[in-house]
Amino acid sequence: MKSNRISWEEYALKIAEVAALRSEDKYVQVGSCALDYSNKVIGVAYNGLASGVNVPESFWEERDLRRPFMIHAEVNLLSLFKRGECKLLACTLLPCSCCASMIASYGIQTVIYRDVYARDNKALDIFAFNGIVCKQITC
């Protein structure tokens, strides 16, 4: 009998999608989820400002002005575990090249993403160079 269960990759991506809803950035909400080698969730994160930083509503209007202050979901996620603990990282948006390099430094084997990041497409090259399986899925 065929199972109706979603895959571990889909499971992690669904959790990342829910995490993205916590982002204060109403224009670009990104979530991420990490699974260990037993498929246990070891971290969930989203993009946003540093904890405790309050800004006026006008801060969110200009994307290019706010971008340098935003902490990416992947960076927030990587802060939750040690190198070698994560097998799979799922993200709602293909990581940027800086995040891809950080992910590679953590020894993560697989990266799953839903949407393509149009501003920076070097992540795929970085993942391939480091032998990281990277694939886009929709669920």
N, C-alpha and C. Protein backbone atom coordinates (compact mmCIF):
# COMPACT_ATOMS: atom_id res chain seq x y z
N MET A 1 0.84 -1.19 0.00
CA MET A 1 0.00 0.00 0.00
C MET A 1 0.88 1.25 0.00
N LYS A 2 0.59 2.20 -0.87
CA LYS A 2 1.36 3.42 -0.99
C LYS A 2 1.07 4.35 0.20
N SER A 3 2.13 4.92 0.73
CA SER A 3 2.00 5.84 1.85
C SER A 3 1.57 7.22 1.36
N ASN A 4 0.73 7.88 2.14
CA ASN A 4 0.31 9.24 1.83
C ASN A 4 1.18 10.26 2.55
N ARG A 5 2.22 9.78 3.21
CA ARG A 5 3.10 10.67 3.95
C ARG A 5 3.94 11.52 3.00
N ILE A 6 4.19 12.75 3.40
CA ILE A 6 5.10 13.59 2.63
C ILE A 6 6.53 13.17 2.94
N SER A 7 7.44 13.50 2.06
CA SER A 7 8.86 13.17 2.25
C SER A 7 9.44 14.05 3.37
N TRP A 8 10.62 13.68 3.85
CA TRP A 8 11.30 14.49 4.87
C TRP A 8 11.65 15.86 4.30
N GLU A 9 12.00 15.91 3.02
CA GLU A 9 12.30 17.20 2.38
C GLU A 9 11.07 18.10 2.37
N GLU A 10 9.93 17.52 2.00
CA GLU A 10 8.68 18.29 1.99
C GLU A 10 8.29 18.72 3.41
N TYR A 11 8.49 17.84 4.36
CA TYR A 11 8.21 18.13 5.77
C TYR A 11 9.01 19.34 6.24
N ALA A 12 10.31 19.32 5.97
CA ALA A 12 11.17 20.43 6.38
C ALA A 12 10.78 21.73 5.68
N LEU A 13 10.43 21.64 4.40
CA LEU A 13 10.04 22.84 3.67
C LEU A 13 8.72 23.41 4.19
N LYS A 14 7.78 22.55 4.52
CA LYS A 14 6.51 23.02 5.10
C LYS A 14 6.76 23.76 6.41
N ILE A 15 7.66 23.24 7.24
CA ILE A 15 8.00 23.91 8.50
C ILE A 15 8.64 25.26 8.21
N ALA A 16 9.52 25.31 7.21
CA ALA A 16 10.16 26.57 6.82
C ALA A 16 9.12 27.59 6.35
N GLU A 17 8.11 27.12 5.62
CA GLU A 17 7.05 28.01 5.15
C GLU A 17 6.29 28.63 6.32
N VAL A 18 6.03 27.86 7.33
CA VAL A 18 5.34 28.39 8.52
C VAL A 18 6.26 29.38 9.25
N ALA A 19 7.54 29.05 9.36
CA ALA A 19 8.49 29.95 10.03
C ALA A 19 8.54 31.30 9.33
N ALA A 20 8.46 31.30 8.01
CA ALA A 20 8.51 32.55 7.25
C ALA A 20 7.41 33.52 7.66
N LEU A 21 6.30 33.00 8.12
CA LEU A 21 5.19 33.85 8.54
C LEU A 21 5.53 34.72 9.75
N ARG A 22 6.59 34.36 10.48
CA ARG A 22 7.04 35.14 11.64
C ARG A 22 7.88 36.35 11.23
N SER A 23 8.34 36.39 10.00
CA SER A 23 9.20 37.49 9.57
C SER A 23 8.47 38.82 9.63
N GLU A 24 9.17 39.84 10.10
CA GLU A 24 8.58 41.18 10.15
C GLU A 24 8.59 41.85 8.79
N ASP A 25 9.39 41.32 7.88
CA ASP A 25 9.50 41.90 6.55
C ASP A 25 8.30 41.47 5.72
N LYS A 26 7.36 42.35 5.56
CA LYS A 26 6.12 41.98 4.87
C LYS A 26 6.31 41.81 3.36
N TYR A 27 7.47 42.23 2.82
CA TYR A 27 7.71 42.12 1.39
C TYR A 27 8.48 40.86 1.00
N VAL A 28 9.44 40.45 1.83
CA VAL A 28 10.23 39.25 1.56
C VAL A 28 10.33 38.44 2.85
N GLN A 29 9.42 37.50 3.00
CA GLN A 29 9.42 36.65 4.19
C GLN A 29 10.08 35.32 3.82
N VAL A 30 11.15 34.99 4.57
CA VAL A 30 11.90 33.77 4.30
C VAL A 30 11.96 32.94 5.57
N GLY A 31 11.75 31.65 5.42
CA GLY A 31 11.86 30.73 6.55
C GLY A 31 12.80 29.60 6.22
N SER A 32 13.36 28.98 7.26
CA SER A 32 14.27 27.86 7.06
C SER A 32 14.10 26.84 8.18
N CYS A 33 14.47 25.60 7.88
CA CYS A 33 14.35 24.50 8.83
C CYS A 33 15.52 23.55 8.62
N ALA A 34 16.06 23.03 9.72
CA ALA A 34 17.17 22.09 9.65
C ALA A 34 16.77 20.76 10.27
N LEU A 35 17.15 19.67 9.59
CA LEU A 35 16.93 18.32 10.11
C LEU A 35 18.28 17.67 10.37
N ASP A 36 18.36 16.88 11.44
CA ASP A 36 19.59 16.15 11.73
C ASP A 36 19.56 14.80 11.01
N TYR A 37 20.49 13.94 11.33
CA TYR A 37 20.63 12.66 10.64
C TYR A 37 19.54 11.66 11.01
N SER A 38 18.73 11.99 12.02
CA SER A 38 17.57 11.16 12.38
C SER A 38 16.28 11.80 11.91
N ASN A 39 16.39 12.83 11.09
CA ASN A 39 15.25 13.61 10.59
C ASN A 39 14.52 14.36 11.70
N LYS A 40 15.21 14.64 12.77
CA LYS A 40 14.68 15.44 13.87
C LYS A 40 14.92 16.92 13.56
N VAL A 41 13.93 17.75 13.81
CA VAL A 41 14.08 19.19 13.62
C VAL A 41 15.05 19.71 14.68
N ILE A 42 16.14 20.33 14.21
CA ILE A 42 17.12 20.89 15.16
C ILE A 42 17.16 22.41 15.10
N GLY A 43 16.34 22.99 14.24
CA GLY A 43 16.28 24.43 14.18
C GLY A 43 15.25 24.92 13.18
N VAL A 44 14.65 26.05 13.51
CA VAL A 44 13.68 26.72 12.65
C VAL A 44 13.96 28.21 12.79
N ALA A 45 13.99 28.94 11.66
CA ALA A 45 14.32 30.36 11.74
C ALA A 45 13.66 31.12 10.59
N TYR A 46 13.75 32.43 10.67
CA TYR A 46 13.19 33.31 9.64
C TYR A 46 14.04 34.56 9.53
N ASN A 47 13.86 35.33 8.46
CA ASN A 47 14.62 36.56 8.28
C ASN A 47 14.02 37.69 9.10
N GLY A 48 14.88 38.60 9.51
CA GLY A 48 14.41 39.74 10.27
C GLY A 48 15.56 40.54 10.85
N LEU A 49 15.19 41.53 11.63
CA LEU A 49 16.18 42.36 12.31
C LEU A 49 16.68 41.64 13.55
N ALA A 50 17.79 42.11 14.08
CA ALA A 50 18.31 41.55 15.32
C ALA A 50 17.25 41.68 16.41
N SER A 51 17.21 40.71 17.28
CA SER A 51 16.23 40.69 18.36
C SER A 51 16.28 41.99 19.17
N GLY A 52 15.11 42.56 19.41
CA GLY A 52 15.00 43.76 20.23
C GLY A 52 15.13 45.07 19.47
N VAL A 53 15.44 45.03 18.19
CA VAL A 53 15.56 46.26 17.40
C VAL A 53 14.18 46.66 16.91
N ASN A 54 13.81 47.89 17.22
CA ASN A 54 12.52 48.43 16.78
C ASN A 54 12.76 49.55 15.79
N VAL A 55 12.00 49.54 14.70
CA VAL A 55 12.17 50.54 13.65
C VAL A 55 10.80 51.13 13.30
N PRO A 56 10.80 52.35 12.75
CA PRO A 56 9.52 52.92 12.31
C PRO A 56 9.01 52.17 11.08
N GLU A 57 7.74 52.25 10.83
CA GLU A 57 7.11 51.56 9.70
C GLU A 57 7.76 51.96 8.37
N SER A 58 8.22 53.20 8.28
CA SER A 58 8.84 53.67 7.04
C SER A 58 10.12 52.90 6.69
N PHE A 59 10.75 52.26 7.68
CA PHE A 59 11.95 51.47 7.45
C PHE A 59 11.71 50.39 6.41
N TRP A 60 10.53 49.81 6.39
CA TRP A 60 10.23 48.68 5.53
C TRP A 60 9.93 49.06 4.08
N GLU A 61 9.77 50.35 3.80
CA GLU A 61 9.35 50.79 2.47
C GLU A 61 10.41 50.65 1.39
N GLU A 62 11.67 50.88 1.69
CA GLU A 62 12.74 50.85 0.70
C GLU A 62 13.59 49.59 0.88
N ARG A 63 13.40 48.63 0.00
CA ARG A 63 14.08 47.34 0.14
C ARG A 63 15.60 47.49 0.14
N ASP A 64 16.13 48.27 -0.77
CA ASP A 64 17.59 48.40 -0.86
C ASP A 64 18.18 49.08 0.38
N LEU A 65 17.42 49.93 1.03
CA LEU A 65 17.91 50.58 2.24
C LEU A 65 17.86 49.65 3.45
N ARG A 66 16.88 48.77 3.51
CA ARG A 66 16.74 47.89 4.68
C ARG A 66 17.54 46.59 4.56
N ARG A 67 17.87 46.19 3.33
CA ARG A 67 18.56 44.91 3.12
C ARG A 67 19.82 44.72 3.96
N PRO A 68 20.70 45.71 4.09
CA PRO A 68 21.92 45.48 4.88
C PRO A 68 21.66 45.20 6.36
N PHE A 69 20.50 45.56 6.84
CA PHE A 69 20.19 45.39 8.26
C PHE A 69 19.48 44.07 8.57
N MET A 70 19.03 43.40 7.53
CA MET A 70 18.28 42.16 7.70
C MET A 70 19.22 40.98 7.94
N ILE A 71 18.87 40.13 8.88
CA ILE A 71 19.60 38.90 9.12
C ILE A 71 18.85 37.80 8.39
N HIS A 72 19.54 37.11 7.51
CA HIS A 72 18.90 36.09 6.68
C HIS A 72 18.46 34.89 7.52
N ALA A 73 17.39 34.25 7.07
CA ALA A 73 16.85 33.08 7.77
C ALA A 73 17.91 32.00 7.94
N GLU A 74 18.74 31.81 6.92
CA GLU A 74 19.78 30.77 6.99
C GLU A 74 20.81 31.08 8.07
N VAL A 75 21.19 32.34 8.20
CA VAL A 75 22.16 32.74 9.22
C VAL A 75 21.56 32.52 10.61
N ASN A 76 20.30 32.94 10.78
CA ASN A 76 19.62 32.70 12.06
C ASN A 76 19.56 31.21 12.36
N LEU A 77 19.30 30.40 11.35
CA LEU A 77 19.19 28.95 11.53
C LEU A 77 20.53 28.34 11.91
N LEU A 78 21.59 28.70 11.21
CA LEU A 78 22.91 28.12 11.48
C LEU A 78 23.39 28.42 12.90
N SER A 79 22.89 29.48 13.50
CA SER A 79 23.29 29.82 14.87
C SER A 79 22.69 28.87 15.90
N LEU A 80 21.80 27.98 15.48
CA LEU A 80 21.08 27.11 16.42
C LEU A 80 21.71 25.73 16.61
N PHE A 81 22.73 25.39 15.82
CA PHE A 81 23.34 24.07 15.96
C PHE A 81 24.82 24.15 15.59
N LYS A 82 25.53 23.05 15.85
CA LYS A 82 26.96 22.99 15.58
C LYS A 82 27.24 22.37 14.21
N ARG A 83 28.43 22.65 13.71
CA ARG A 83 28.88 22.07 12.45
C ARG A 83 28.79 20.55 12.52
N GLY A 84 28.26 19.94 11.46
CA GLY A 84 28.17 18.49 11.38
C GLY A 84 26.89 17.89 11.94
N GLU A 85 26.06 18.70 12.58
CA GLU A 85 24.81 18.18 13.16
C GLU A 85 23.65 18.15 12.17
N CYS A 86 23.70 18.98 11.15
CA CYS A 86 22.58 19.11 10.21
C CYS A 86 22.84 18.33 8.94
N LYS A 87 21.86 17.54 8.53
CA LYS A 87 21.92 16.79 7.29
C LYS A 87 21.23 17.54 6.16
N LEU A 88 20.08 18.14 6.47
CA LEU A 88 19.25 18.77 5.45
C LEU A 88 18.81 20.15 5.91
N LEU A 89 18.96 21.12 5.03
CA LEU A 89 18.48 22.48 5.29
C LEU A 89 17.44 22.81 4.24
N ALA A 90 16.26 23.19 4.69
CA ALA A 90 15.18 23.59 3.77
C ALA A 90 14.94 25.07 3.94
N CYS A 91 14.75 25.76 2.83
CA CYS A 91 14.55 27.21 2.86
C CYS A 91 13.49 27.58 1.83
N THR A 92 12.69 28.56 2.16
CA THR A 92 11.65 28.98 1.23
C THR A 92 12.21 29.72 0.02
N LEU A 93 13.46 30.21 0.13
CA LEU A 93 14.10 30.95 -0.95
C LEU A 93 15.51 30.41 -1.14
N LEU A 94 15.92 30.22 -2.38
CA LEU A 94 17.29 29.78 -2.65
C LEU A 94 18.25 30.71 -1.92
N PRO A 95 19.15 30.17 -1.11
CA PRO A 95 20.07 31.04 -0.37
C PRO A 95 20.91 31.92 -1.29
N CYS A 96 21.31 33.08 -0.78
CA CYS A 96 22.23 33.95 -1.50
C CYS A 96 23.62 33.32 -1.45
N SER A 97 24.56 33.87 -2.17
CA SER A 97 25.91 33.30 -2.22
C SER A 97 26.60 33.32 -0.86
N CYS A 98 26.41 34.38 -0.08
CA CYS A 98 27.03 34.43 1.26
C CYS A 98 26.47 33.33 2.16
N CYS A 99 25.17 33.15 2.15
CA CYS A 99 24.56 32.10 2.97
C CYS A 99 24.98 30.72 2.46
N ALA A 100 25.10 30.57 1.14
CA ALA A 100 25.53 29.29 0.56
C ALA A 100 26.93 28.93 1.05
N SER A 101 27.82 29.89 1.13
CA SER A 101 29.17 29.63 1.63
C SER A 101 29.14 29.23 3.10
N MET A 102 28.30 29.89 3.87
CA MET A 102 28.17 29.53 5.29
C MET A 102 27.59 28.13 5.45
N ILE A 103 26.61 27.79 4.65
CA ILE A 103 26.00 26.46 4.69
C ILE A 103 27.06 25.41 4.37
N ALA A 104 27.88 25.68 3.37
CA ALA A 104 28.95 24.75 3.00
C ALA A 104 29.92 24.56 4.16
N SER A 105 30.20 25.62 4.90
CA SER A 105 31.15 25.51 6.01
C SER A 105 30.61 24.66 7.16
N TYR A 106 29.31 24.46 7.20
CA TYR A 106 28.68 23.64 8.25
C TYR A 106 28.62 22.16 7.88
N GLY A 107 29.06 21.80 6.68
CA GLY A 107 29.07 20.40 6.28
C GLY A 107 27.70 19.83 5.96
N ILE A 108 26.76 20.68 5.63
CA ILE A 108 25.40 20.24 5.32
C ILE A 108 25.40 19.57 3.95
N GLN A 109 24.75 18.42 3.85
CA GLN A 109 24.79 17.61 2.63
C GLN A 109 23.72 17.97 1.60
N THR A 110 22.57 18.44 2.08
CA THR A 110 21.44 18.67 1.18
C THR A 110 20.75 19.99 1.51
N VAL A 111 20.45 20.76 0.46
CA VAL A 111 19.70 22.00 0.60
C VAL A 111 18.48 21.91 -0.31
N ILE A 112 17.34 22.18 0.27
CA ILE A 112 16.07 22.18 -0.45
C ILE A 112 15.53 23.61 -0.44
N TYR A 113 15.01 24.07 -1.55
CA TYR A 113 14.41 25.40 -1.59
C TYR A 113 13.15 25.38 -2.44
N ARG A 114 12.30 26.39 -2.22
CA ARG A 114 11.05 26.49 -2.98
C ARG A 114 11.16 27.51 -4.11
N ASP A 115 11.57 28.74 -3.79
CA ASP A 115 11.60 29.83 -4.76
C ASP A 115 13.03 30.20 -5.11
N VAL A 116 13.20 30.77 -6.30
CA VAL A 116 14.52 31.19 -6.77
C VAL A 116 14.78 32.63 -6.34
N TYR A 117 16.00 32.87 -5.91
CA TYR A 117 16.43 34.22 -5.52
C TYR A 117 17.04 34.86 -6.76
N ALA A 118 16.35 35.82 -7.34
CA ALA A 118 16.75 36.38 -8.63
C ALA A 118 17.95 37.33 -8.53
N ARG A 119 18.19 37.92 -7.37
CA ARG A 119 19.27 38.90 -7.24
C ARG A 119 20.65 38.27 -7.19
N ASP A 120 20.74 37.01 -6.81
CA ASP A 120 22.04 36.37 -6.60
C ASP A 120 21.88 34.88 -6.89
N ASN A 121 22.39 34.43 -8.02
CA ASN A 121 22.21 33.03 -8.42
C ASN A 121 23.49 32.21 -8.30
N LYS A 122 24.46 32.68 -7.56
CA LYS A 122 25.74 31.97 -7.42
C LYS A 122 25.65 30.81 -6.43
N ALA A 123 24.60 30.74 -5.65
CA ALA A 123 24.48 29.67 -4.65
C ALA A 123 24.56 28.29 -5.28
N LEU A 124 23.94 28.11 -6.42
CA LEU A 124 23.96 26.80 -7.08
C LEU A 124 25.39 26.38 -7.44
N ASP A 125 26.19 27.34 -7.89
CA ASP A 125 27.59 27.06 -8.19
C ASP A 125 28.37 26.70 -6.92
N ILE A 126 28.11 27.42 -5.85
CA ILE A 126 28.79 27.17 -4.58
C ILE A 126 28.42 25.79 -4.04
N PHE A 127 27.16 25.45 -4.10
CA PHE A 127 26.73 24.13 -3.63
C PHE A 127 27.36 23.03 -4.48
N ALA A 128 27.34 23.19 -5.80
CA ALA A 128 27.91 22.17 -6.68
C ALA A 128 29.41 22.02 -6.42
N PHE A 129 30.11 23.12 -6.25
CA PHE A 129 31.55 23.10 -5.98
C PHE A 129 31.87 22.32 -4.71
N ASN A 130 30.99 22.45 -3.71
CA ASN A 130 31.20 21.80 -2.42
C ASN A 130 30.54 20.43 -2.30
N GLY A 131 29.96 19.93 -3.39
CA GLY A 131 29.34 18.61 -3.38
C GLY A 131 28.06 18.53 -2.59
N ILE A 132 27.36 19.65 -2.48
CA ILE A 132 26.10 19.71 -1.74
C ILE A 132 24.95 19.49 -2.72
N VAL A 133 24.08 18.56 -2.41
CA VAL A 133 22.89 18.33 -3.23
C VAL A 133 21.95 19.50 -2.98
N CYS A 134 21.54 20.15 -4.06
CA CYS A 134 20.63 21.30 -3.94
C CYS A 134 19.52 21.11 -4.94
N LYS A 135 18.29 21.15 -4.46
CA LYS A 135 17.20 21.00 -5.42
C LYS A 135 15.98 21.82 -5.01
N GLN A 136 15.28 22.23 -6.03
CA GLN A 136 14.07 22.99 -5.85
C GLN A 136 12.89 22.03 -5.80
N ILE A 137 12.03 22.22 -4.81
CA ILE A 137 10.80 21.42 -4.74
C ILE A 137 9.63 22.35 -4.44
N THR A 138 8.48 21.92 -4.83
CA THR A 138 7.24 22.61 -4.47
C THR A 138 6.33 21.58 -3.83
N CYS A 139 5.66 22.01 -2.80
CA CYS A 139 4.74 21.08 -2.15
C CYS A 139 3.53 21.81 -1.61
